[in-house]
N, C-alpha and C. Protein backbone atom coordinates (compact mmCIF):
# COMPACT_ATOMS: atom_id res chain seq x y z
N MET A 1 32.19 -6.27 -20.24
CA MET A 1 31.92 -7.99 -20.05
C MET A 1 30.80 -7.91 -19.60
N LEU A 2 30.01 -8.81 -19.65
CA LEU A 2 28.39 -9.42 -19.24
C LEU A 2 28.67 -9.63 -18.04
N SER A 3 29.71 -10.24 -17.09
CA SER A 3 29.55 -10.29 -15.92
C SER A 3 29.77 -9.34 -14.76
N GLN A 4 30.55 -8.04 -15.39
CA GLN A 4 30.98 -7.41 -14.98
C GLN A 4 30.85 -5.93 -15.07
N SER A 5 29.14 -6.26 -16.04
CA SER A 5 28.36 -4.80 -15.82
C SER A 5 27.63 -4.48 -15.29
N ASP A 6 27.18 -3.10 -14.59
CA ASP A 6 26.42 -2.82 -13.63
C ASP A 6 25.29 -3.00 -14.38
N SER A 7 24.64 -3.33 -15.34
CA SER A 7 22.89 -3.21 -15.88
C SER A 7 23.16 -4.51 -16.35
N GLY A 8 24.31 -5.44 -16.53
CA GLY A 8 24.08 -6.98 -16.58
C GLY A 8 23.35 -8.02 -15.70
N PRO A 9 22.73 -8.66 -16.01
CA PRO A 9 22.06 -9.70 -14.83
C PRO A 9 22.71 -10.35 -13.65
N LEU A 10 23.80 -10.10 -13.69
CA LEU A 10 24.42 -10.88 -12.14
C LEU A 10 24.58 -9.66 -11.59
N ARG A 11 24.54 -8.17 -11.86
CA ARG A 11 24.68 -7.04 -10.86
C ARG A 11 24.03 -6.06 -10.80
N TYR A 12 23.32 -6.35 -11.78
CA TYR A 12 22.19 -5.18 -11.65
C TYR A 12 20.73 -5.46 -10.61
N ARG A 13 20.89 -4.38 -9.80
CA ARG A 13 19.85 -4.49 -8.53
C ARG A 13 18.37 -3.57 -8.91
N GLY A 14 18.35 -2.85 -9.24
CA GLY A 14 16.97 -1.80 -9.65
C GLY A 14 16.06 -2.70 -9.55
N LEU A 15 15.41 -3.62 -9.73
CA LEU A 15 14.34 -4.64 -9.86
C LEU A 15 14.41 -4.68 -7.97
N ALA A 16 15.18 -5.13 -7.38
CA ALA A 16 14.90 -5.03 -5.87
C ALA A 16 14.92 -3.25 -5.35
N SER A 17 16.35 -2.88 -5.60
CA SER A 17 16.09 -0.91 -4.83
C SER A 17 15.94 0.09 -5.51
N SER A 18 15.28 -0.58 -6.81
CA SER A 18 14.85 1.03 -7.35
C SER A 18 13.09 1.14 -6.99
N SER A 19 12.97 2.51 -7.29
CA SER A 19 11.29 2.32 -7.36
C SER A 19 10.19 1.83 -7.96
N GLU A 20 9.07 0.97 -7.63
CA GLU A 20 8.42 0.39 -9.03
C GLU A 20 8.21 1.24 -10.35
N GLU A 21 7.62 2.67 -9.87
CA GLU A 21 7.43 3.22 -10.84
C GLU A 21 8.44 3.88 -11.79
N ALA A 22 9.89 3.62 -11.30
CA ALA A 22 10.96 3.84 -12.23
C ALA A 22 11.28 2.52 -13.23
N GLU A 23 11.03 1.35 -12.24
CA GLU A 23 10.88 0.02 -13.28
C GLU A 23 9.98 -0.30 -14.13
N ALA A 24 9.19 -0.42 -13.40
CA ALA A 24 7.73 -1.09 -14.19
C ALA A 24 7.57 -1.36 -15.39
N ALA A 25 8.34 -0.22 -16.29
CA ALA A 25 8.05 -0.94 -17.92
C ALA A 25 9.14 -1.62 -17.99
N HIS A 26 10.35 -1.51 -17.45
CA HIS A 26 11.41 -2.70 -17.70
C HIS A 26 11.33 -3.66 -17.33
N VAL A 27 10.43 -3.97 -15.98
CA VAL A 27 9.86 -5.48 -15.75
C VAL A 27 9.52 -6.16 -16.90
N ASP A 28 8.28 -5.56 -17.32
CA ASP A 28 6.85 -5.81 -18.35
C ASP A 28 7.68 -6.31 -19.82
N ALA A 29 9.28 -5.70 -19.78
CA ALA A 29 10.04 -6.12 -21.22
C ALA A 29 10.62 -7.30 -20.72
N VAL A 30 11.53 -7.14 -19.27
CA VAL A 30 11.90 -8.33 -19.10
C VAL A 30 10.93 -9.68 -19.26
N LEU A 31 9.87 -9.20 -18.61
CA LEU A 31 8.66 -10.46 -18.62
C LEU A 31 8.39 -11.08 -19.57
N ALA A 32 7.91 -9.95 -20.89
CA ALA A 32 8.00 -9.84 -22.06
C ALA A 32 8.55 -11.05 -22.96
N ALA A 33 9.69 -10.26 -22.93
CA ALA A 33 11.57 -11.30 -23.59
C ALA A 33 11.59 -12.69 -23.21
N TYR A 34 11.56 -13.24 -21.71
CA TYR A 34 11.52 -14.30 -21.72
C TYR A 34 10.48 -15.06 -21.85
N ASP A 35 9.40 -14.69 -21.96
CA ASP A 35 7.87 -14.96 -21.68
C ASP A 35 7.74 -15.89 -20.51
N VAL A 36 8.00 -15.11 -19.23
CA VAL A 36 7.70 -15.72 -17.98
C VAL A 36 6.64 -14.90 -17.27
N ASP A 37 6.19 -15.22 -15.89
CA ASP A 37 5.19 -14.34 -15.49
C ASP A 37 5.88 -13.97 -13.67
N ARG A 38 7.24 -14.56 -13.60
CA ARG A 38 7.97 -13.86 -12.49
C ARG A 38 9.54 -14.00 -12.80
N VAL A 39 10.00 -13.01 -11.83
CA VAL A 39 11.43 -12.26 -11.92
C VAL A 39 12.23 -13.23 -10.10
N VAL A 40 13.10 -14.08 -10.01
CA VAL A 40 13.12 -14.22 -8.89
C VAL A 40 14.44 -13.61 -8.58
N SER A 41 14.46 -12.30 -7.59
CA SER A 41 15.92 -11.59 -7.53
C SER A 41 16.64 -11.80 -6.28
N GLY A 42 18.05 -11.96 -5.78
CA GLY A 42 18.65 -12.21 -4.67
C GLY A 42 19.69 -10.91 -5.17
N HIS A 43 20.87 -11.47 -4.13
CA HIS A 43 21.90 -10.23 -3.79
C HIS A 43 21.64 -9.07 -3.57
N THR A 44 20.60 -8.75 -2.81
CA THR A 44 19.85 -7.19 -2.72
C THR A 44 19.43 -7.34 -1.43
N PRO A 45 19.50 -7.07 0.03
CA PRO A 45 18.84 -7.24 0.90
C PRO A 45 17.35 -6.60 1.23
N SER A 46 16.37 -7.23 1.26
CA SER A 46 15.23 -6.65 0.93
C SER A 46 14.99 -6.28 2.42
N ARG A 47 13.66 -6.32 2.57
CA ARG A 47 13.63 -5.75 3.85
C ARG A 47 13.00 -7.02 5.28
N GLY A 48 14.03 -7.88 5.20
CA GLY A 48 13.84 -9.30 6.39
C GLY A 48 12.91 -9.90 6.03
N ILE A 49 12.32 -10.06 4.94
CA ILE A 49 10.72 -10.93 4.05
C ILE A 49 11.47 -10.83 2.78
N VAL A 50 10.72 -12.40 2.48
CA VAL A 50 10.45 -12.34 1.00
C VAL A 50 9.30 -11.52 0.23
N LEU A 51 9.95 -10.65 -0.51
CA LEU A 51 9.26 -9.50 -0.76
C LEU A 51 8.93 -9.41 -2.18
N PRO A 52 7.19 -9.69 -1.98
CA PRO A 52 6.98 -9.25 -3.38
C PRO A 52 7.00 -7.93 -3.94
N LYS A 53 7.24 -7.61 -5.14
CA LYS A 53 7.01 -6.06 -6.14
C LYS A 53 6.60 -6.47 -7.44
N PHE A 54 5.95 -5.04 -7.72
CA PHE A 54 5.44 -4.96 -9.08
C PHE A 54 4.38 -5.86 -9.05
N GLY A 55 3.35 -5.56 -8.35
CA GLY A 55 2.64 -6.67 -8.03
C GLY A 55 2.36 -8.08 -8.12
N GLY A 56 3.56 -8.68 -7.69
CA GLY A 56 3.78 -10.11 -7.57
C GLY A 56 4.82 -10.43 -8.65
N LYS A 57 4.95 -9.69 -10.00
CA LYS A 57 5.93 -10.08 -10.78
C LYS A 57 7.68 -10.20 -9.91
N VAL A 58 8.15 -9.77 -8.93
CA VAL A 58 9.15 -9.67 -8.89
C VAL A 58 9.14 -9.79 -7.45
N LEU A 59 9.90 -11.59 -7.17
CA LEU A 59 9.97 -11.89 -5.73
C LEU A 59 11.52 -11.26 -5.62
N VAL A 60 11.80 -10.92 -4.43
CA VAL A 60 13.02 -10.44 -3.45
C VAL A 60 13.19 -11.06 -2.80
N ILE A 61 14.21 -12.78 -2.61
CA ILE A 61 14.22 -13.12 -2.02
C ILE A 61 15.43 -12.99 -0.83
N ASP A 62 16.49 -12.19 -1.36
CA ASP A 62 17.43 -12.01 -0.01
C ASP A 62 16.95 -11.39 1.40
N THR A 63 16.78 -11.59 1.92
CA THR A 63 16.32 -11.52 3.28
C THR A 63 16.93 -10.92 4.58
N GLY A 64 18.15 -10.82 3.90
CA GLY A 64 19.28 -10.69 5.02
C GLY A 64 19.73 -11.36 6.11
N ILE A 65 19.59 -12.82 5.26
CA ILE A 65 20.20 -13.82 6.56
C ILE A 65 21.58 -13.29 7.39
N SER A 66 22.45 -12.76 6.67
CA SER A 66 23.81 -12.66 7.54
C SER A 66 23.24 -11.61 8.58
N ALA A 67 24.04 -11.58 9.82
CA ALA A 67 24.01 -11.22 10.94
C ALA A 67 24.05 -9.60 10.96
N HIS A 68 24.93 -9.28 9.74
CA HIS A 68 25.29 -8.12 9.25
C HIS A 68 23.92 -6.95 8.88
N TYR A 69 23.25 -8.31 8.07
CA TYR A 69 22.05 -7.29 7.24
C TYR A 69 20.82 -7.85 8.68
N GLY A 70 20.80 -8.38 9.88
CA GLY A 70 19.86 -8.48 10.59
C GLY A 70 19.64 -10.01 10.90
N GLY A 71 19.97 -11.15 10.33
CA GLY A 71 19.83 -12.29 10.62
C GLY A 71 18.36 -12.65 10.25
N HIS A 72 17.73 -12.30 9.30
CA HIS A 72 16.50 -12.56 9.17
C HIS A 72 16.46 -14.10 7.76
N LEU A 73 15.84 -14.95 8.87
CA LEU A 73 16.02 -16.22 7.69
C LEU A 73 13.91 -16.72 7.31
N ALA A 74 14.73 -16.55 5.86
CA ALA A 74 13.73 -16.95 5.11
C ALA A 74 13.96 -17.62 4.01
N SER A 75 13.13 -18.33 3.20
CA SER A 75 13.15 -18.79 1.92
C SER A 75 12.03 -19.12 1.09
N LEU A 76 12.42 -19.28 -0.17
CA LEU A 76 11.01 -19.44 -0.84
C LEU A 76 11.07 -20.84 -1.70
N ARG A 77 9.92 -21.42 -1.41
CA ARG A 77 9.49 -22.40 -2.78
C ARG A 77 9.03 -22.50 -3.46
N ILE A 78 8.95 -23.04 -4.46
CA ILE A 78 7.73 -22.58 -5.47
C ILE A 78 7.69 -24.25 -5.83
N GLU A 79 6.05 -24.52 -5.95
CA GLU A 79 5.62 -25.81 -6.17
C GLU A 79 4.36 -25.79 -7.52
N GLY A 80 4.56 -26.07 -8.19
CA GLY A 80 3.98 -25.96 -9.41
C GLY A 80 3.52 -23.83 -9.73
N ASN A 81 2.12 -23.61 -9.50
CA ASN A 81 1.91 -22.41 -9.51
C ASN A 81 1.71 -21.26 -8.25
N ARG A 82 2.38 -22.16 -6.93
CA ARG A 82 2.17 -21.40 -5.90
C ARG A 82 3.72 -21.13 -5.55
N PHE A 83 3.46 -20.20 -4.68
CA PHE A 83 5.17 -19.50 -4.51
C PHE A 83 4.72 -19.17 -2.77
N ILE A 84 5.82 -19.88 -1.95
CA ILE A 84 5.71 -19.97 -0.64
C ILE A 84 6.91 -19.65 0.17
N ALA A 85 6.30 -18.33 0.79
CA ALA A 85 7.75 -17.59 1.75
C ALA A 85 7.44 -18.66 3.10
N ARG A 86 8.63 -18.98 3.72
CA ARG A 86 8.87 -19.21 5.11
C ARG A 86 9.78 -18.59 5.50
N GLN A 87 9.13 -17.97 6.56
CA GLN A 87 9.48 -16.97 7.57
C GLN A 87 9.42 -17.51 9.06
N GLY A 88 10.57 -18.27 9.37
CA GLY A 88 11.15 -18.95 10.62
C GLY A 88 10.27 -20.52 10.45
N ASP A 89 9.08 -20.51 10.87
CA ASP A 89 8.50 -21.75 11.13
C ASP A 89 7.14 -21.76 10.82
N GLN A 90 7.34 -20.66 10.13
CA GLN A 90 5.58 -20.62 9.56
C GLN A 90 5.62 -20.37 7.71
N GLU A 91 4.74 -20.61 7.13
CA GLU A 91 4.80 -20.04 5.69
C GLU A 91 3.34 -19.74 5.31
N LEU A 92 4.23 -18.75 4.30
CA LEU A 92 3.00 -17.91 3.39
C LEU A 92 2.94 -17.92 2.25
N ILE A 93 1.95 -18.58 1.44
CA ILE A 93 1.35 -18.17 -0.02
C ILE A 93 1.92 -16.46 -0.28
N LEU A 94 2.61 -16.21 -1.43
CA LEU A 94 3.08 -15.32 -1.85
C LEU A 94 1.83 -14.81 -3.02
N PRO A 95 1.50 -13.24 -2.56
CA PRO A 95 0.58 -13.15 -3.49
C PRO A 95 1.00 -12.76 -5.16
N SER A 96 -0.21 -12.69 -5.95
CA SER A 96 0.27 -13.00 -6.96
C SER A 96 -0.37 -11.94 -7.79
N SER A 97 -0.97 -10.72 -6.88
CA SER A 97 -1.75 -9.34 -7.70
C SER A 97 -1.03 -8.07 -6.41
N ALA A 98 -1.62 -6.49 -6.96
CA ALA A 98 -1.11 -5.95 -6.38
C ALA A 98 -1.98 -5.41 -5.08
N GLU A 99 -2.73 -6.20 -5.30
CA GLU A 99 -4.00 -6.19 -4.33
C GLU A 99 -3.70 -6.72 -3.21
N GLU A 100 -3.12 -8.20 -3.03
CA GLU A 100 -2.78 -9.01 -2.00
C GLU A 100 -1.57 -8.65 -1.34
N ILE A 101 -0.57 -7.76 -1.51
CA ILE A 101 0.55 -7.61 -1.04
C ILE A 101 0.47 -6.50 0.36
N LEU A 102 -0.38 -5.99 0.56
CA LEU A 102 -0.42 -5.50 1.78
C LEU A 102 -1.00 -6.63 2.48
N PRO A 103 -1.82 -7.26 2.74
CA PRO A 103 -2.16 -7.72 3.50
C PRO A 103 -1.25 -9.29 3.85
N TYR A 104 -0.17 -9.72 2.60
CA TYR A 104 0.97 -10.37 3.06
C TYR A 104 1.65 -9.76 3.57
N LEU A 105 2.34 -8.28 3.72
CA LEU A 105 3.15 -7.91 4.51
C LEU A 105 3.08 -7.86 5.68
N GLU A 106 1.51 -7.71 5.80
CA GLU A 106 0.98 -7.82 7.70
C GLU A 106 0.97 -8.79 8.11
N ARG A 107 0.46 -10.12 7.49
CA ARG A 107 0.80 -11.26 7.86
C ARG A 107 2.26 -11.65 8.26
N ALA A 108 3.27 -11.26 7.01
CA ALA A 108 4.76 -11.60 7.42
C ALA A 108 4.90 -10.88 8.98
N ALA A 109 4.67 -9.54 8.58
CA ALA A 109 5.19 -8.57 9.70
C ALA A 109 4.51 -9.04 11.46
N ALA A 110 3.28 -9.88 11.54
CA ALA A 110 2.80 -10.32 12.36
C ALA A 110 3.70 -11.68 13.16
N LEU A 111 4.47 -12.31 12.54
CA LEU A 111 4.83 -13.63 12.55
C LEU A 111 6.31 -13.51 13.19
N LEU A 112 7.20 -12.07 13.10
CA LEU A 112 8.30 -11.95 13.31
C LEU A 112 8.52 -10.40 14.01
N ASN A 113 9.30 -10.37 14.17
CA ASN A 113 9.35 -8.87 14.98
C ASN A 113 10.19 -8.02 13.75
N PRO A 114 8.95 -7.21 13.12
CA PRO A 114 9.48 -6.69 11.90
C PRO A 114 10.84 -5.85 12.01
N PRO A 115 11.54 -6.05 11.04
CA PRO A 115 12.48 -4.89 11.00
C PRO A 115 12.00 -3.74 10.88
N PRO A 116 12.87 -2.29 10.77
CA PRO A 116 12.67 -1.09 10.61
C PRO A 116 11.75 -1.27 9.21
N ALA A 117 12.69 -1.39 8.30
CA ALA A 117 12.31 -1.51 6.99
C ALA A 117 11.01 -1.92 6.49
N LEU A 118 10.55 -3.14 7.26
CA LEU A 118 9.08 -3.81 6.81
C LEU A 118 8.48 -2.90 7.69
N LYS A 119 8.48 -1.87 8.38
CA LYS A 119 7.50 -1.21 9.29
C LYS A 119 7.38 -0.01 8.82
N ARG A 120 8.49 0.68 7.93
CA ARG A 120 8.27 1.53 7.17
C ARG A 120 7.39 1.87 5.87
N LEU A 121 8.15 0.46 5.31
CA LEU A 121 6.84 -0.03 3.73
C LEU A 121 5.48 0.10 4.54
N LEU A 122 5.25 -0.80 5.56
CA LEU A 122 3.76 -0.99 6.00
C LEU A 122 3.11 0.66 6.31
N VAL A 123 3.74 1.13 7.10
CA VAL A 123 3.14 2.68 7.08
C VAL A 123 2.92 3.50 5.49
N LYS A 124 4.10 3.07 4.85
CA LYS A 124 4.13 3.90 3.28
C LYS A 124 2.95 3.44 2.45
N LEU A 125 2.64 1.93 2.67
CA LEU A 125 1.39 1.28 1.77
C LEU A 125 -0.50 1.81 2.49
N ARG A 126 0.11 1.71 3.89
CA ARG A 126 -1.56 2.23 4.63
C ARG A 126 -2.11 3.00 4.03
């Protein structure tokens, strides 16, 4: 059954949790199949922020709002071709290319007490 399959669209978590190298071809195939530029993924906590992956092609929006995951409040707003993350009372334009992701993550970390997972990602990317 589609809704219960671990690889189905309601349960698959690979875009949020797998390495970008392992999923890159899959992401490109999904985008091409649906003729879209981006995919928004939820239900798998990211690093406490709205997290762009795959050069901004995938936006992971589960920031861990529950206290169990750190209580990181954030949201995504889409206005035309602009994707805007709200972290607390600040807004950040989401990157649309791989080159813009590190500066975005650094700006997001500066707005809040960065969760350990975000700190580890920044160390890895620098």
